[in-house]
PDB file of N, CA and C in Angstrom:
ATOM      1  N   UNK A   1      69.008  62.242  47.006  1.00  0.00           N
ATOM      2  CA  UNK A   1      68.730  61.167  47.939  1.00  0.00           C
ATOM      3  C   UNK A   1      68.989  59.803  47.309  1.00  0.00           C
ATOM      4  N   UNK A   2      68.880  59.714  45.996  1.00  0.00           N
ATOM      5  CA  UNK A   2      69.076  58.431  45.328  1.00  0.00           C
ATOM      6  C   UNK A   2      70.510  58.238  44.853  1.00  0.00           C
ATOM      7  N   UNK A   3      71.339  59.262  44.986  1.00  0.00           N
ATOM      8  CA  UNK A   3      72.713  59.194  44.512  1.00  0.00           C
ATOM      9  C   UNK A   3      73.554  58.308  45.419  1.00  0.00           C
ATOM     10  N   UNK A   4      74.323  57.433  44.804  1.00  0.00           N
ATOM     11  CA  UNK A   4      75.274  56.598  45.538  1.00  0.00           C
ATOM     12  C   UNK A   4      76.517  57.439  45.779  1.00  0.00           C
ATOM     13  N   UNK A   5      76.609  58.031  46.951  1.00  0.00           N
ATOM     14  CA  UNK A   5      77.687  58.967  47.260  1.00  0.00           C
ATOM     15  C   UNK A   5      79.052  58.296  47.176  1.00  0.00           C
ATOM     16  N   UNK A   6      79.141  57.080  47.698  1.00  0.00           N
ATOM     17  CA  UNK A   6      80.434  56.397  47.684  1.00  0.00           C
ATOM     18  C   UNK A   6      80.903  56.094  46.263  1.00  0.00           C
ATOM     19  N   UNK A   7      79.974  55.880  45.354  1.00  0.00           N
ATOM     20  CA  UNK A   7      80.353  55.669  43.953  1.00  0.00           C
ATOM     21  C   UNK A   7      80.957  56.947  43.362  1.00  0.00           C
ATOM     22  N   UNK A   8      80.498  58.089  43.834  1.00  0.00           N
ATOM     23  CA  UNK A   8      81.032  59.366  43.345  1.00  0.00           C
ATOM     24  C   UNK A   8      82.419  59.670  43.889  1.00  0.00           C
ATOM     25  N   UNK A   9      82.642  59.398  45.161  1.00  0.00           N
ATOM     26  CA  UNK A   9      83.881  59.830  45.819  1.00  0.00           C
ATOM     27  C   UNK A   9      84.918  58.726  45.960  1.00  0.00           C
ATOM     28  N   UNK A  10      84.521  57.491  45.780  1.00  0.00           N
ATOM     29  CA  UNK A  10      85.469  56.386  45.941  1.00  0.00           C
ATOM     30  C   UNK A  10      85.958  56.302  47.368  1.00  0.00           C
ATOM     31  N   UNK A  11      87.258  56.119  47.546  1.00  0.00           N
ATOM     32  CA  UNK A  11      87.842  55.991  48.883  1.00  0.00           C
ATOM     33  C   UNK A  11      88.387  57.306  49.421  1.00  0.00           C
ATOM     34  N   UNK A  12      88.119  58.409  48.736  1.00  0.00           N
ATOM     35  CA  UNK A  12      88.646  59.710  49.138  1.00  0.00           C
ATOM     36  C   UNK A  12      87.782  60.332  50.229  1.00  0.00           C
ATOM     37  N   UNK A  13      88.438  61.156  51.065  1.00  0.00           N
ATOM     38  CA  UNK A  13      87.673  61.985  51.999  1.00  0.00           C
ATOM     39  C   UNK A  13      86.908  63.003  51.182  1.00  0.00           C
ATOM     40  N   UNK A  14      85.741  63.413  51.670  1.00  0.00           N
ATOM     41  CA  UNK A  14      84.963  64.384  50.918  1.00  0.00           C
ATOM     42  C   UNK A  14      84.180  65.297  51.840  1.00  0.00           C
ATOM     43  N   UNK A  15      83.773  66.435  51.279  1.00  0.00           N
ATOM     44  CA  UNK A  15      83.001  67.456  51.961  1.00  0.00           C
ATOM     45  C   UNK A  15      81.762  67.719  51.116  1.00  0.00           C
ATOM     46  N   UNK A  16      80.636  67.975  51.752  1.00  0.00           N
ATOM     47  CA  UNK A  16      79.407  68.316  51.031  1.00  0.00           C
ATOM     48  C   UNK A  16      79.066  69.764  51.346  1.00  0.00           C
ATOM     49  N   UNK A  17      78.888  70.563  50.290  1.00  0.00           N
ATOM     50  CA  UNK A  17      78.454  71.951  50.416  1.00  0.00           C
ATOM     51  C   UNK A  17      77.191  72.067  49.586  1.00  0.00           C
ATOM     52  N   UNK A  18      76.088  72.515  50.212  1.00  0.00           N
ATOM     53  CA  UNK A  18      74.817  72.492  49.497  1.00  0.00           C
ATOM     54  C   UNK A  18      73.875  73.603  49.928  1.00  0.00           C
ATOM     55  N   UNK A  19      73.093  74.040  48.977  1.00  0.00           N
ATOM     56  CA  UNK A  19      71.951  74.916  49.217  1.00  0.00           C
ATOM     57  C   UNK A  19      70.772  74.172  48.621  1.00  0.00           C
ATOM     58  N   UNK A  20      70.012  73.511  49.463  1.00  0.00           N
ATOM     59  CA  UNK A  20      68.928  72.639  48.999  1.00  0.00           C
ATOM     60  C   UNK A  20      67.583  73.222  49.410  1.00  0.00           C
ATOM     61  N   UNK A  21      66.504  72.762  48.796  1.00  0.00           N
ATOM     62  CA  UNK A  21      65.184  73.211  49.257  1.00  0.00           C
ATOM     63  C   UNK A  21      65.035  72.899  50.748  1.00  0.00           C
ATOM     64  N   UNK A  22      64.574  73.872  51.499  1.00  0.00           N
ATOM     65  CA  UNK A  22      64.527  73.743  52.951  1.00  0.00           C
ATOM     66  C   UNK A  22      63.671  72.577  53.421  1.00  0.00           C
ATOM     67  N   UNK A  23      62.669  72.201  52.662  1.00  0.00           N
ATOM     68  CA  UNK A  23      61.778  71.128  53.114  1.00  0.00           C
ATOM     69  C   UNK A  23      62.449  69.757  53.099  1.00  0.00           C
ATOM     70  N   UNK A  24      63.619  69.615  52.469  1.00  0.00           N
ATOM     71  CA  UNK A  24      64.323  68.322  52.476  1.00  0.00           C
ATOM     72  C   UNK A  24      65.643  68.378  53.255  1.00  0.00           C
ATOM     73  N   UNK A  25      65.879  69.481  53.954  1.00  0.00           N
ATOM     74  CA  UNK A  25      67.122  69.644  54.717  1.00  0.00           C
ATOM     75  C   UNK A  25      67.359  68.481  55.676  1.00  0.00           C
ATOM     76  N   UNK A  26      66.386  68.169  56.500  1.00  0.00           N
ATOM     77  CA  UNK A  26      66.540  67.120  57.504  1.00  0.00           C
ATOM     78  C   UNK A  26      66.791  65.763  56.851  1.00  0.00           C
ATOM     79  N   UNK A  27      66.070  65.462  55.792  1.00  0.00           N
ATOM     80  CA  UNK A  27      66.250  64.182  55.103  1.00  0.00           C
ATOM     81  C   UNK A  27      67.648  64.067  54.507  1.00  0.00           C
ATOM     82  N   UNK A  28      68.155  65.144  53.936  1.00  0.00           N
ATOM     83  CA  UNK A  28      69.493  65.098  53.327  1.00  0.00           C
ATOM     84  C   UNK A  28      70.567  64.960  54.397  1.00  0.00           C
ATOM     85  N   UNK A  29      70.438  65.700  55.481  1.00  0.00           N
ATOM     86  CA  UNK A  29      71.419  65.569  56.570  1.00  0.00           C
ATOM     87  C   UNK A  29      71.423  64.135  57.090  1.00  0.00           C
ATOM     88  N   UNK A  30      70.249  63.576  57.331  1.00  0.00           N
ATOM     89  CA  UNK A  30      70.162  62.187  57.799  1.00  0.00           C
ATOM     90  C   UNK A  30      70.796  61.225  56.812  1.00  0.00           C
ATOM     91  N   UNK A  31      70.503  61.404  55.541  1.00  0.00           N
ATOM     92  CA  UNK A  31      71.057  60.537  54.497  1.00  0.00           C
ATOM     93  C   UNK A  31      72.590  60.602  54.492  1.00  0.00           C
ATOM     94  N   UNK A  32      73.146  61.793  54.604  1.00  0.00           N
ATOM     95  CA  UNK A  32      74.607  61.953  54.582  1.00  0.00           C
ATOM     96  C   UNK A  32      75.265  61.373  55.832  1.00  0.00           C
ATOM     97  N   UNK A  33      74.655  61.592  56.990  1.00  0.00           N
ATOM     98  CA  UNK A  33      75.267  61.136  58.241  1.00  0.00           C
ATOM     99  C   UNK A  33      75.134  59.634  58.453  1.00  0.00           C
ATOM    100  N   UNK A  34      74.161  59.007  57.808  1.00  0.00           N
ATOM    101  CA  UNK A  34      73.958  57.573  58.009  1.00  0.00           C
ATOM    102  C   UNK A  34      74.697  56.720  56.980  1.00  0.00           C
ATOM    103  N   UNK A  35      75.512  57.350  56.133  1.00  0.00           N
ATOM    104  CA  UNK A  35      76.294  56.602  55.153  1.00  0.00           C
ATOM    105  C   UNK A  35      77.380  55.776  55.842  1.00  0.00           C
ATOM    106  N   UNK A  36      77.804  54.734  55.167  1.00  0.00           N
ATOM    107  CA  UNK A  36      78.918  53.917  55.682  1.00  0.00           C
ATOM    108  C   UNK A  36      80.161  54.797  55.874  1.00  0.00           C
ATOM    109  N   UNK A  37      80.414  55.660  54.898  1.00  0.00           N
ATOM    110  CA  UNK A  37      81.484  56.665  55.012  1.00  0.00           C
ATOM    111  C   UNK A  37      80.827  58.034  54.933  1.00  0.00           C
ATOM    112  N   UNK A  38      80.970  58.789  56.004  1.00  0.00           N
ATOM    113  CA  UNK A  38      80.356  60.115  56.072  1.00  0.00           C
ATOM    114  C   UNK A  38      81.300  61.172  55.513  1.00  0.00           C
ATOM    115  N   UNK A  39      80.737  62.295  55.044  1.00  0.00           N
ATOM    116  CA  UNK A  39      81.604  63.412  54.658  1.00  0.00           C
ATOM    117  C   UNK A  39      82.358  63.919  55.884  1.00  0.00           C
ATOM    118  N   UNK A  40      83.540  64.461  55.668  1.00  0.00           N
ATOM    119  CA  UNK A  40      84.315  65.043  56.776  1.00  0.00           C
ATOM    120  C   UNK A  40      83.609  66.282  57.304  1.00  0.00           C
ATOM    121  N   UNK A  41      82.920  66.968  56.410  1.00  0.00           N
ATOM    122  CA  UNK A  41      82.186  68.177  56.792  1.00  0.00           C
ATOM    123  C   UNK A  41      80.989  68.335  55.870  1.00  0.00           C
ATOM    124  N   UNK A  42      79.912  68.849  56.455  1.00  0.00           N
ATOM    125  CA  UNK A  42      78.712  69.196  55.691  1.00  0.00           C
ATOM    126  C   UNK A  42      78.466  70.682  55.949  1.00  0.00           C
ATOM    127  N   UNK A  43      78.330  71.445  54.881  1.00  0.00           N
ATOM    128  CA  UNK A  43      78.012  72.867  54.997  1.00  0.00           C
ATOM    129  C   UNK A  43      76.746  73.094  54.182  1.00  0.00           C
ATOM    130  N   UNK A  44      75.684  73.536  54.862  1.00  0.00           N
ATOM    131  CA  UNK A  44      74.389  73.692  54.191  1.00  0.00           C
ATOM    132  C   UNK A  44      73.721  74.999  54.588  1.00  0.00           C
ATOM    133  N   UNK A  45      72.975  75.547  53.653  1.00  0.00           N
ATOM    134  CA  UNK A  45      72.092  76.664  53.931  1.00  0.00           C
ATOM    135  C   UNK A  45      70.743  76.082  54.335  1.00  0.00           C
ATOM    136  N   UNK A  46      70.173  76.621  55.402  1.00  0.00           N
ATOM    137  CA  UNK A  46      68.892  76.103  55.886  1.00  0.00           C
ATOM    138  C   UNK A  46      68.148  77.183  56.653  1.00  0.00           C
ATOM    139  N   UNK A  47      66.912  76.897  56.991  1.00  0.00           N
ATOM    140  CA  UNK A  47      66.118  77.810  57.805  1.00  0.00           C
ATOM    141  C   UNK A  47      66.830  78.008  59.145  1.00  0.00           C
ATOM    142  N   UNK A  48      66.915  79.258  59.602  1.00  0.00           N
ATOM    143  CA  UNK A  48      67.660  79.588  60.808  1.00  0.00           C
ATOM    144  C   UNK A  48      67.169  78.808  62.029  1.00  0.00           C
ATOM    145  N   UNK A  49      65.870  78.676  62.185  1.00  0.00           N
ATOM    146  CA  UNK A  49      65.320  77.969  63.350  1.00  0.00           C
ATOM    147  C   UNK A  49      65.716  76.498  63.351  1.00  0.00           C
ATOM    148  N   UNK A  50      65.846  75.892  62.182  1.00  0.00           N
ATOM    149  CA  UNK A  50      66.288  74.493  62.100  1.00  0.00           C
ATOM    150  C   UNK A  50      67.752  74.398  62.528  1.00  0.00           C
ATOM    151  N   UNK A  51      68.570  75.339  62.068  1.00  0.00           N
ATOM    152  CA  UNK A  51      69.987  75.358  62.469  1.00  0.00           C
ATOM    153  C   UNK A  51      70.114  75.522  63.982  1.00  0.00           C
ATOM    154  N   UNK A  52      69.295  76.393  64.562  1.00  0.00           N
ATOM    155  CA  UNK A  52      69.314  76.576  66.020  1.00  0.00           C
ATOM    156  C   UNK A  52      68.952  75.276  66.740  1.00  0.00           C
ATOM    157  N   UNK A  53      67.927  74.578  66.245  1.00  0.00           N
ATOM    158  CA  UNK A  53      67.520  73.316  66.868  1.00  0.00           C
ATOM    159  C   UNK A  53      68.626  72.277  66.777  1.00  0.00           C
ATOM    160  N   UNK A  54      69.290  72.210  65.638  1.00  0.00           N
ATOM    161  CA  UNK A  54      70.374  71.242  65.452  1.00  0.00           C
ATOM    162  C   UNK A  54      71.505  71.511  66.443  1.00  0.00           C
ATOM    163  N   UNK A  55      71.782  72.782  66.714  1.00  0.00           N
ATOM    164  CA  UNK A  55      72.891  73.158  67.600  1.00  0.00           C
ATOM    165  C   UNK A  55      72.529  73.189  69.080  1.00  0.00           C
ATOM    166  N   UNK A  56      71.270  72.962  69.421  1.00  0.00           N
ATOM    167  CA  UNK A  56      70.829  73.038  70.823  1.00  0.00           C
ATOM    168  C   UNK A  56      71.635  72.079  71.700  1.00  0.00           C
ATOM    169  N   UNK A  57      71.947  72.530  72.910  1.00  0.00           N
ATOM    170  CA  UNK A  57      72.714  71.687  73.835  1.00  0.00           C
ATOM    171  C   UNK A  57      72.058  71.543  75.207  1.00  0.00           C
ATOM    172  N   UNK A  58      71.048  72.352  75.484  1.00  0.00           N
ATOM    173  CA  UNK A  58      70.393  72.293  76.796  1.00  0.00           C
ATOM    174  C   UNK A  58      69.274  71.254  76.787  1.00  0.00           C
ATOM    175  N   UNK A  59      69.210  70.434  77.838  1.00  0.00           N
ATOM    176  CA  UNK A  59      68.063  69.531  77.945  1.00  0.00           C
ATOM    177  C   UNK A  59      66.767  70.350  77.886  1.00  0.00           C
ATOM    178  N   UNK A  60      65.800  69.850  77.188  1.00  0.00           N
ATOM    179  CA  UNK A  60      64.555  70.577  76.995  1.00  0.00           C
ATOM    180  C   UNK A  60      64.528  71.323  75.671  1.00  0.00           C
ATOM    181  N   UNK A  61      65.708  71.769  75.209  1.00  0.00           N
ATOM    182  CA  UNK A  61      65.813  72.435  73.908  1.00  0.00           C
ATOM    183  C   UNK A  61      66.170  71.441  72.811  1.00  0.00           C
ATOM    184  N   UNK A  62      66.780  70.329  73.203  1.00  0.00           N
ATOM    185  CA  UNK A  62      67.245  69.351  72.220  1.00  0.00           C
ATOM    186  C   UNK A  62      66.064  68.547  71.667  1.00  0.00           C
ATOM    187  N   UNK A  63      66.209  68.136  70.421  1.00  0.00           N
ATOM    188  CA  UNK A  63      65.191  67.354  69.734  1.00  0.00           C
ATOM    189  C   UNK A  63      65.838  66.082  69.194  1.00  0.00           C
ATOM    190  N   UNK A  64      65.047  65.237  68.586  1.00  0.00           N
ATOM    191  CA  UNK A  64      65.608  64.050  67.930  1.00  0.00           C
ATOM    192  C   UNK A  64      66.625  64.480  66.880  1.00  0.00           C
ATOM    193  N   UNK A  65      66.329  65.559  66.162  1.00  0.00           N
ATOM    194  CA  UNK A  65      67.248  66.055  65.138  1.00  0.00           C
ATOM    195  C   UNK A  65      68.576  66.491  65.750  1.00  0.00           C
ATOM    196  N   UNK A  66      68.544  67.287  66.813  1.00  0.00           N
ATOM    197  CA  UNK A  66      69.801  67.739  67.419  1.00  0.00           C
ATOM    198  C   UNK A  66      70.586  66.565  67.988  1.00  0.00           C
ATOM    199  N   UNK A  67      69.902  65.618  68.638  1.00  0.00           N
ATOM    200  CA  UNK A  67      70.588  64.440  69.181  1.00  0.00           C
ATOM    201  C   UNK A  67      71.234  63.606  68.084  1.00  0.00           C
ATOM    202  N   UNK A  68      70.511  63.385  66.995  1.00  0.00           N
ATOM    203  CA  UNK A  68      71.058  62.529  65.940  1.00  0.00           C
ATOM    204  C   UNK A  68      72.210  63.206  65.212  1.00  0.00           C
ATOM    205  N   UNK A  69      72.113  64.507  64.938  1.00  0.00           N
ATOM    206  CA  UNK A  69      73.229  65.198  64.286  1.00  0.00           C
ATOM    207  C   UNK A  69      74.435  65.220  65.205  1.00  0.00           C
ATOM    208  N   UNK A  70      74.236  65.539  66.480  1.00  0.00           N
ATOM    209  CA  UNK A  70      75.353  65.633  67.415  1.00  0.00           C
ATOM    210  C   UNK A  70      75.954  64.274  67.754  1.00  0.00           C
ATOM    211  N   UNK A  71      75.252  63.208  67.497  1.00  0.00           N
ATOM    212  CA  UNK A  71      75.793  61.857  67.641  1.00  0.00           C
ATOM    213  C   UNK A  71      76.891  61.631  66.600  1.00  0.00           C
ATOM    214  N   UNK A  72      76.695  62.175  65.397  1.00  0.00           N
ATOM    215  CA  UNK A  72      77.628  61.966  64.290  1.00  0.00           C
ATOM    216  C   UNK A  72      78.637  63.088  64.094  1.00  0.00           C
ATOM    217  N   UNK A  73      78.371  64.284  64.646  1.00  0.00           N
ATOM    218  CA  UNK A  73      79.285  65.392  64.389  1.00  0.00           C
ATOM    219  C   UNK A  73      79.003  66.605  65.247  1.00  0.00           C
ATOM    220  N   UNK A  74      79.835  67.622  65.082  1.00  0.00           N
ATOM    221  CA  UNK A  74      79.704  68.863  65.840  1.00  0.00           C
ATOM    222  C   UNK A  74      79.147  69.943  64.917  1.00  0.00           C
ATOM    223  N   UNK A  75      77.888  70.365  65.157  1.00  0.00           N
ATOM    224  CA  UNK A  75      77.293  71.413  64.325  1.00  0.00           C
ATOM    225  C   UNK A  75      77.634  72.810  64.848  1.00  0.00           C
ATOM    226  N   UNK A  76      77.696  73.759  63.917  1.00  0.00           N
ATOM    227  CA  UNK A  76      77.959  75.152  64.285  1.00  0.00           C
ATOM    228  C   UNK A  76      77.306  76.065  63.252  1.00  0.00           C
ATOM    229  N   UNK A  77      76.608  77.081  63.745  1.00  0.00           N
ATOM    230  CA  UNK A  77      76.057  78.086  62.837  1.00  0.00           C
ATOM    231  C   UNK A  77      77.205  79.015  62.445  1.00  0.00           C
ATOM    232  N   UNK A  78      77.508  79.043  61.163  1.00  0.00           N
ATOM    233  CA  UNK A  78      78.606  79.856  60.638  1.00  0.00           C
ATOM    234  C   UNK A  78      78.143  81.295  60.441  1.00  0.00           C
ATOM    235  N   UNK A  79      76.909  81.450  59.952  1.00  0.00           N
ATOM    236  CA  UNK A  79      76.404  82.786  59.662  1.00  0.00           C
ATOM    237  C   UNK A  79      74.883  82.773  59.597  1.00  0.00           C
ATOM    238  N   UNK A  80      74.284  83.857  60.050  1.00  0.00           N
ATOM    239  CA  UNK A  80      72.851  84.062  59.874  1.00  0.00           C
ATOM    240  C   UNK A  80      72.674  84.892  58.606  1.00  0.00           C
ATOM    241  N   UNK A  81      71.718  84.503  57.769  1.00  0.00           N
ATOM    242  CA  UNK A  81      71.503  85.174  56.492  1.00  0.00           C
ATOM    243  C   UNK A  81      70.173  85.911  56.496  1.00  0.00           C
ATOM    244  N   UNK A  82      70.212  87.156  56.154  1.00  0.00           N
ATOM    245  CA  UNK A  82      69.025  87.985  56.049  1.00  0.00           C
ATOM    246  C   UNK A  82      68.253  87.591  54.795  1.00  0.00           C
ATOM    247  N   UNK A  83      66.940  87.634  54.824  1.00  0.00           N
ATOM    248  CA  UNK A  83      66.161  87.296  53.627  1.00  0.00           C
ATOM    249  C   UNK A  83      66.557  88.126  52.394  1.00  0.00           C
ATOM    250  N   UNK A  84      67.084  89.324  52.605  1.00  0.00           N
ATOM    251  CA  UNK A  84      67.436  90.212  51.487  1.00  0.00           C
ATOM    252  C   UNK A  84      68.568  89.665  50.617  1.00  0.00           C
ATOM    253  N   UNK A  85      69.317  88.667  51.097  1.00  0.00           N
ATOM    254  CA  UNK A  85      70.412  88.133  50.284  1.00  0.00           C
ATOM    255  C   UNK A  85      69.930  87.095  49.269  1.00  0.00           C
ATOM    256  N   UNK A  86      68.630  86.778  49.284  1.00  0.00           N
ATOM    257  CA  UNK A  86      68.060  85.798  48.363  1.00  0.00           C
ATOM    258  C   UNK A  86      67.121  86.481  47.369  1.00  0.00           C
ATOM    259  N   UNK A  87      66.997  85.865  46.220  1.00  0.00           N
ATOM    260  CA  UNK A  87      65.975  86.267  45.262  1.00  0.00           C
ATOM    261  C   UNK A  87      65.335  85.021  44.704  1.00  0.00           C
ATOM    262  N   UNK A  88      64.061  84.844  44.750  1.00  0.00           N
ATOM    263  CA  UNK A  88      63.125  85.754  45.417  1.00  0.00           C
ATOM    264  C   UNK A  88      63.338  85.729  46.925  1.00  0.00           C
ATOM    265  N   UNK A  89      62.977  86.812  47.555  1.00  0.00           N
ATOM    266  CA  UNK A  89      63.189  86.989  48.993  1.00  0.00           C
ATOM    267  C   UNK A  89      62.192  86.143  49.792  1.00  0.00           C
ATOM    268  N   UNK A  90      62.696  85.236  50.667  1.00  0.00           N
ATOM    269  CA  UNK A  90      61.779  84.450  51.505  1.00  0.00           C
ATOM    270  C   UNK A  90      61.295  85.271  52.699  1.00  0.00           C
ATOM    271  N   UNK A  91      60.343  84.743  53.420  1.00  0.00           N
ATOM    272  CA  UNK A  91      59.822  85.421  54.609  1.00  0.00           C
ATOM    273  C   UNK A  91      60.471  84.913  55.895  1.00  0.00           C
ATOM    274  N   UNK A  92      61.604  84.243  55.764  1.00  0.00           N
ATOM    275  CA  UNK A  92      62.284  83.657  56.929  1.00  0.00           C
ATOM    276  C   UNK A  92      63.761  84.000  56.893  1.00  0.00           C
ATOM    277  N   UNK A  93      64.407  83.899  58.051  1.00  0.00           N
ATOM    278  CA  UNK A  93      65.858  84.026  58.110  1.00  0.00           C
ATOM    279  C   UNK A  93      66.472  82.674  57.806  1.00  0.00           C
ATOM    280  N   UNK A  94      67.656  82.698  57.265  1.00  0.00           N
ATOM    281  CA  UNK A  94      68.378  81.472  56.934  1.00  0.00           C
ATOM    282  C   UNK A  94      69.698  81.452  57.683  1.00  0.00           C
ATOM    283  N   UNK A  95      70.360  80.318  57.626  1.00  0.00           N
ATOM    284  CA  UNK A  95      71.664  80.177  58.268  1.00  0.00           C
ATOM    285  C   UNK A  95      72.546  79.273  57.418  1.00  0.00           C
ATOM    286  N   UNK A  96      73.837  79.483  57.558  1.00  0.00           N
ATOM    287  CA  UNK A  96      74.804  78.533  57.021  1.00  0.00           C
ATOM    288  C   UNK A  96      75.243  77.698  58.212  1.00  0.00           C
ATOM    289  N   UNK A  97      75.026  76.402  58.132  1.00  0.00           N
ATOM    290  CA  UNK A  97      75.382  75.474  59.207  1.00  0.00           C
ATOM    291  C   UNK A  97      76.517  74.587  58.731  1.00  0.00           C
ATOM    292  N   UNK A  98      77.513  74.416  59.576  1.00  0.00           N
ATOM    293  CA  UNK A  98      78.619  73.505  59.295  1.00  0.00           C
ATOM    294  C   UNK A  98      78.572  72.368  60.313  1.00  0.00           C
ATOM    295  N   UNK A  99      78.730  71.149  59.827  1.00  0.00           N
ATOM    296  CA  UNK A  99      78.791  69.980  60.705  1.00  0.00           C
ATOM    297  C   UNK A  99      80.118  69.277  60.433  1.00  0.00           C
ATOM    298  N   UNK A 100      81.016  69.305  61.408  1.00  0.00           N
ATOM    299  CA  UNK A 100      82.265  68.551  61.312  1.00  0.00           C
ATOM    300  C   UNK A 100      81.989  67.171  61.886  1.00  0.00           C
ATOM    301  N   UNK A 101      82.070  66.156  61.040  1.00  0.00           N
ATOM    302  CA  UNK A 101      81.708  64.816  61.497  1.00  0.00           C
ATOM    303  C   UNK A 101      82.847  64.167  62.271  1.00  0.00           C
ATOM    304  N   UNK A 102      82.449  63.316  63.193  1.00  0.00           N
ATOM    305  CA  UNK A 102      83.421  62.549  63.972  1.00  0.00           C
ATOM    306  C   UNK A 102      83.860  61.334  63.169  1.00  0.00           C
ATOM    307  N   UNK A 103      85.080  60.893  63.424  1.00  0.00           N
ATOM    308  CA  UNK A 103      85.548  59.672  62.774  1.00  0.00           C
ATOM    309  C   UNK A 103      84.656  58.498  63.171  1.00  0.00           C
ATOM    310  N   UNK A 104      84.315  58.445  64.455  1.00  0.00           N
ATOM    311  CA  UNK A 104      83.370  57.468  64.982  1.00  0.00           C
ATOM    312  C   UNK A 104      82.317  58.259  65.741  1.00  0.00           C
ATOM    313  N   UNK A 105      81.081  57.788  65.791  1.00  0.00           N
ATOM    314  CA  UNK A 105      80.073  58.512  66.572  1.00  0.00           C
ATOM    315  C   UNK A 105      80.537  58.749  68.000  1.00  0.00           C
ATOM    316  N   UNK A 106      80.021  59.783  68.615  1.00  0.00           N
ATOM    317  CA  UNK A 106      80.470  60.240  69.932  1.00  0.00           C
ATOM    318  C   UNK A 106      80.174  59.214  71.041  1.00  0.00           C
ATOM    319  N   UNK A 107      79.186  58.340  70.817  1.00  0.00           N
ATOM    320  CA  UNK A 107      78.823  57.316  71.795  1.00  0.00           C
ATOM    321  C   UNK A 107      78.929  55.964  71.079  1.00  0.00           C
ATOM    322  N   UNK A 108      79.529  54.999  71.742  1.00  0.00           N
ATOM    323  CA  UNK A 108      79.666  53.671  71.164  1.00  0.00           C
ATOM    324  C   UNK A 108      78.404  52.852  71.462  1.00  0.00           C
ATOM    325  N   UNK A 109      77.693  52.515  70.412  1.00  0.00           N
ATOM    326  CA  UNK A 109      76.486  51.688  70.564  1.00  0.00           C
ATOM    327  C   UNK A 109      76.595  50.499  69.612  1.00  0.00           C
ATOM    328  N   UNK A 110      75.965  49.382  69.961  1.00  0.00           N
ATOM    329  CA  UNK A 110      76.092  48.193  69.116  1.00  0.00           C
ATOM    330  C   UNK A 110      75.410  48.329  67.743  1.00  0.00           C
ATOM    331  N   UNK A 111      74.375  49.149  67.654  1.00  0.00           N
ATOM    332  CA  UNK A 111      73.650  49.280  66.390  1.00  0.00           C
ATOM    333  C   UNK A 111      73.127  50.700  66.254  1.00  0.00           C
ATOM    334  N   UNK A 112      73.684  51.451  65.295  1.00  0.00           N
ATOM    335  CA  UNK A 112      73.239  52.841  65.097  1.00  0.00           C
ATOM    336  C   UNK A 112      71.766  52.906  64.859  1.00  0.00           C
TER     337      UNK A 112
END
């Protein structure tokens, strides 16, 4: 969260692939999407229910998280992961989520 991403990548396009502690998933996604220059794609392992919420498209199912992610990019669940693929084994299902970011946010607003 404290890393200056642009200092790492310079003017190059970049992709973020991460397996982070699930309790900071939302904060990291927000941090990456709110950068002056966003990654072209974000691929993260996260709790399956969080990935489902991010990808929600029906009114009533959408949350602030799904709206904010979908404002900046198109999320897609790439794969559902069984707890057995991890050690130690968690008590939850996980998912690999990919977010292809838009060059410009999907809606033009004066102040993000």
